[in-house]
Protein backbone atom coordinates (compact mmCIF):
# COMPACT_ATOMS: atom_id res chain seq x y z
CA MET A 1 15.11 -4.49 60.68
CA ASN A 2 12.87 -6.83 62.59
CA ARG A 3 10.56 -5.46 65.28
CA GLU A 4 9.67 -7.60 68.26
CA VAL A 5 6.17 -6.90 69.48
CA LEU A 6 3.73 -8.17 72.04
CA GLN A 7 0.71 -9.82 70.47
CA GLY A 8 -2.64 -10.04 72.19
CA ALA A 9 -5.61 -12.24 71.52
CA LYS A 10 -8.48 -10.46 73.20
CA GLY A 11 -10.81 -10.93 70.25
CA GLY A 12 -10.74 -11.86 66.60
CA LEU A 13 -8.11 -10.08 64.56
CA LEU A 14 -8.91 -6.61 63.24
CA PHE A 15 -5.74 -6.19 61.17
CA SER A 16 -2.26 -7.65 60.78
CA PHE A 17 1.06 -6.74 59.19
CA ASP A 18 3.10 -9.65 57.88
CA ARG A 19 6.77 -8.90 57.11
CA ALA A 20 5.69 -5.54 55.78
CA SER A 21 7.87 -2.84 54.29
CA ILE A 22 6.48 0.57 55.25
CA GLY A 23 7.67 3.94 54.07
CA TYR A 24 8.20 5.97 50.94
CA PRO A 25 9.53 5.10 47.47
CA GLU A 26 13.15 3.98 47.87
CA THR A 27 13.04 5.04 51.54
CA PRO A 28 11.72 2.22 53.74
CA VAL A 29 11.06 3.24 57.34
CA LEU A 30 10.04 -0.14 58.74
CA ASP A 31 11.15 -3.37 57.12
CA ALA A 32 10.07 -6.97 57.77
CA PHE A 33 7.51 -5.53 60.19
CA SER A 34 4.95 -7.92 61.69
CA TRP A 35 2.17 -6.99 64.11
CA GLN A 36 -1.31 -8.26 64.91
CA VAL A 37 -4.09 -6.30 66.60
CA ALA A 38 -7.26 -7.99 67.81
CA ARG A 39 -10.62 -6.34 68.26
CA GLY A 40 -10.95 -4.64 71.61
CA GLU A 41 -7.22 -4.30 72.24
CA HIS A 42 -5.55 -1.06 73.32
CA TRP A 43 -2.04 -0.36 72.08
CA ALA A 44 0.41 2.41 72.91
CA ILE A 45 2.88 2.99 70.05
CA VAL A 46 6.11 4.41 71.43
CA GLY A 47 9.53 5.24 70.07
CA PRO A 48 11.89 8.14 69.38
CA ASN A 49 11.22 10.81 66.78
CA GLY A 50 11.88 9.49 63.28
CA ALA A 51 11.37 5.86 64.25
CA GLY A 52 8.34 5.45 61.98
CA LYS A 53 5.32 5.94 64.26
CA THR A 54 3.64 8.52 62.01
CA THR A 55 4.49 6.51 58.89
CA LEU A 56 2.84 3.46 60.45
CA VAL A 57 -0.30 5.48 61.23
CA LYS A 58 -0.44 6.90 57.70
CA THR A 59 -0.24 3.39 56.29
CA LEU A 60 -3.13 2.21 58.47
CA LEU A 61 -5.19 5.22 57.40
CA GLY A 62 -4.58 4.40 53.74
CA LEU A 63 -2.57 7.59 53.14
CA LEU A 64 0.55 5.59 52.26
CA PRO A 65 0.60 2.32 50.28
CA ILE A 66 2.38 -0.65 51.80
CA ARG A 67 5.70 -1.11 49.98
CA GLY A 68 6.02 -4.86 50.46
CA GLY A 69 4.77 -7.75 52.54
CA GLN A 70 1.14 -7.72 53.53
CA LEU A 71 -1.38 -5.63 55.47
CA SER A 72 -4.65 -7.50 56.01
CA TYR A 73 -7.94 -6.46 57.60
CA TYR A 74 -10.55 -8.82 59.00
CA GLY A 75 -14.28 -8.66 59.56
CA SER A 76 -16.09 -9.68 62.72
CA ASP A 77 -16.43 -13.16 61.21
CA GLY A 78 -12.64 -13.50 61.00
CA ARG A 79 -12.57 -13.40 57.22
CA PRO A 80 -10.48 -10.95 55.16
CA ALA A 81 -12.33 -7.66 54.72
CA ALA A 82 -11.95 -4.07 53.58
CA ARG A 83 -10.28 -1.47 55.79
CA PRO A 84 -12.46 -0.92 58.89
CA SER A 85 -13.97 2.41 59.78
CA ILE A 86 -11.29 4.50 61.49
CA GLY A 87 -11.60 7.53 63.74
CA TYR A 88 -8.44 9.63 63.71
CA LEU A 89 -7.28 12.32 66.12
CA PRO A 90 -4.25 14.10 64.58
CA GLN A 91 -1.53 15.94 66.45
CA ILE A 92 -2.98 19.27 67.49
CA ASN A 93 0.00 21.22 66.15
CA ARG A 94 -0.86 19.99 62.64
CA ILE A 95 -4.26 21.67 62.67
CA ASP A 96 -4.56 24.92 60.70
CA ARG A 97 -6.29 27.04 63.32
CA ALA A 98 -6.74 29.88 60.84
CA PHE A 99 -9.04 27.71 58.72
CA PRO A 100 -12.57 29.25 58.77
CA ILE A 101 -14.49 26.46 60.49
CA ASP A 102 -16.27 26.33 63.83
CA ALA A 103 -16.41 23.64 66.50
CA TYR A 104 -19.79 22.29 65.37
CA GLU A 105 -18.57 21.87 61.80
CA VAL A 106 -15.45 20.03 62.95
CA VAL A 107 -17.50 17.46 64.84
CA ALA A 108 -19.94 17.21 61.91
CA SER A 109 -17.06 16.38 59.56
CA GLY A 110 -16.61 13.14 61.48
CA LEU A 111 -20.00 11.97 60.18
CA GLN A 112 -19.19 12.36 56.50
CA GLY A 113 -19.88 9.18 54.60
CA THR A 114 -22.36 7.83 57.14
CA THR A 115 -25.96 6.97 56.31
CA LEU A 116 -27.42 9.07 59.14
CA GLY A 117 -30.20 11.48 58.27
CA GLN A 118 -29.82 15.16 59.10
CA SER A 119 -31.87 14.90 62.28
CA GLU A 120 -29.76 11.96 63.49
CA ARG A 121 -26.59 13.85 62.63
CA ASN A 122 -27.70 16.87 64.61
CA ASP A 123 -28.60 14.69 67.59
CA ARG A 124 -25.22 12.92 67.50
CA ILE A 125 -23.29 16.20 67.28
CA SER A 126 -25.29 17.72 70.13
CA GLU A 127 -24.74 14.57 72.21
CA LEU A 128 -20.98 14.80 71.72
CA LEU A 129 -20.75 18.54 72.36
CA GLU A 130 -22.62 18.02 75.60
CA ALA A 131 -20.37 15.11 76.59
CA ILE A 132 -17.22 17.22 76.12
CA ASP A 133 -18.89 20.21 77.83
CA LEU A 134 -18.52 22.57 74.87
CA VAL A 135 -22.12 23.20 73.82
CA GLU A 136 -21.70 26.95 74.31
CA TYR A 137 -18.67 26.91 71.99
CA ALA A 138 -20.46 25.12 69.13
CA ARG A 139 -20.23 28.11 66.78
CA GLU A 140 -16.85 29.31 67.98
CA PRO A 141 -14.15 29.40 65.27
CA ILE A 142 -11.44 26.88 66.09
CA GLY A 143 -8.86 29.67 66.11
CA ARG A 144 -10.48 31.04 69.26
CA LEU A 145 -10.47 27.75 71.16
CA SER A 146 -7.81 26.87 73.70
CA GLY A 147 -5.56 23.90 72.99
CA GLY A 148 -7.50 21.73 75.42
CA GLN A 149 -10.85 22.74 73.95
CA LEU A 150 -9.68 22.02 70.41
CA GLN A 151 -8.37 18.61 71.48
CA ARG A 152 -11.77 17.74 72.94
CA ILE A 153 -13.46 18.82 69.70
CA LEU A 154 -11.06 16.64 67.69
CA LEU A 155 -11.76 13.67 69.96
CA ALA A 156 -15.50 14.15 69.44
CA ARG A 157 -14.95 14.22 65.67
CA ALA A 158 -12.88 11.03 65.80
CA LEU A 159 -15.62 9.22 67.73
CA ALA A 160 -18.62 10.73 65.93
CA ALA A 161 -19.24 7.80 63.57
CA ARG A 162 -18.55 5.15 66.25
CA PRO A 163 -15.55 3.76 64.34
CA GLU A 164 -14.25 0.23 64.65
CA LEU A 165 -10.71 1.55 65.21
CA LEU A 166 -9.70 4.73 67.04
CA VAL A 167 -6.23 6.14 66.28
CA LEU A 168 -4.85 8.88 68.55
CA ASP A 169 -1.66 10.60 67.41
CA GLU A 170 0.13 12.01 70.47
CA PRO A 171 -3.08 13.29 72.12
CA MET A 172 -1.20 14.50 75.22
CA SER A 173 1.31 16.69 73.42
CA PHE A 174 0.97 20.45 73.86
CA LEU A 175 -1.53 20.06 76.72
CA ASP A 176 -0.95 21.04 80.33
CA ARG A 177 -1.43 18.58 83.19
CA SER A 178 -5.04 19.53 83.94
CA TYR A 179 -6.10 19.04 80.33
CA LYS A 180 -4.25 15.72 80.14
CA GLU A 181 -6.28 14.46 83.08
CA LEU A 182 -9.49 15.80 81.53
CA PHE A 183 -8.69 14.17 78.19
CA GLY A 184 -8.05 10.83 79.84
CA GLY A 185 -11.41 11.00 81.59
CA LEU A 186 -13.21 11.90 78.37
CA LEU A 187 -11.56 9.05 76.49
CA SER A 188 -12.75 6.63 79.16
CA GLU A 189 -16.26 8.09 79.03
CA LEU A 190 -16.70 8.38 75.27
CA ALA A 191 -14.86 5.35 73.89
CA PRO A 192 -16.55 2.06 74.80
CA LYS A 193 -14.31 -0.30 76.74
CA ASP A 194 -14.45 -2.80 73.86
CA SER A 195 -13.13 -0.20 71.40
CA THR A 196 -9.92 -0.96 69.55
CA ILE A 197 -7.53 1.93 70.25
CA LEU A 198 -4.06 2.74 68.96
CA MET A 199 -2.29 5.66 70.60
CA VAL A 200 1.01 7.18 69.52
CA THR A 201 2.42 8.63 72.72
CA HIS A 202 5.46 9.78 74.64
CA ASP A 203 3.55 9.34 77.92
CA LEU A 204 3.13 6.07 79.72
CA PRO A 205 -0.42 4.87 78.95
CA ASN A 206 -1.46 4.65 82.59
CA THR A 207 -0.68 8.33 83.06
CA ILE A 208 -3.46 9.03 80.58
CA THR A 209 -6.12 6.62 81.77
CA ASP A 210 -6.06 3.42 83.77
CA GLU A 211 -9.50 2.40 82.53
CA TYR A 212 -7.91 0.38 79.73
CA HIS A 213 -5.29 -2.35 79.63
CA TRP A 214 -2.53 -1.07 77.37
CA GLN A 215 -0.09 -3.16 75.41
CA THR A 216 3.03 -1.54 74.01
CA LEU A 217 4.49 -1.54 70.51
CA ALA A 218 8.03 -0.13 70.74
CA ILE A 219 9.51 1.07 67.45
CA GLY A 220 13.16 2.02 67.07
CA ARG A 221 15.75 2.48 69.76
CA TRP A 222 15.55 4.85 72.69
């Protein structure tokens, strides 16, 4: 099934799908799927449950291999490159809140694989905890955090390493109105305006934050 998408050209390409087959062995979810995302673009990925939004995200994260066609990544020089650094905020209901880890450790996990020294890591974590106004909860187990507090911690983790691509998987789900507004403000404050952002959402993008210009990738039928 072909998917018609809007394509932007804000900057050089970051990645592209070309007639890709995405899914699981013998169970394609998206077929002949083409999409281009340029650096600095902001995309809302929308569609009904089961349409393939999560499968698409897993493919971008490298958790699922592409089944056919091509997925290409590009460097800042426009040449083919390895997968860019990606910051990922998962759906909050998929987090095991019984896992014995505190807020500080969650944010710190976003710096794994970086070349920062310990002092620089500590400074970055402290900077983020202060930005999300949760310094006093740094050593609080995640099981004791409210849904909104945990979502802010997960956003800080996703942004910790200043990734080239930020992927948000339904960040507004399971949050009340006040926390949705707070999250939108934090996203605008913490993610540079030239960040490349993909957001799986059931909300209209401008109900989250109007600081960005959102394009829409609609998958499946409503």
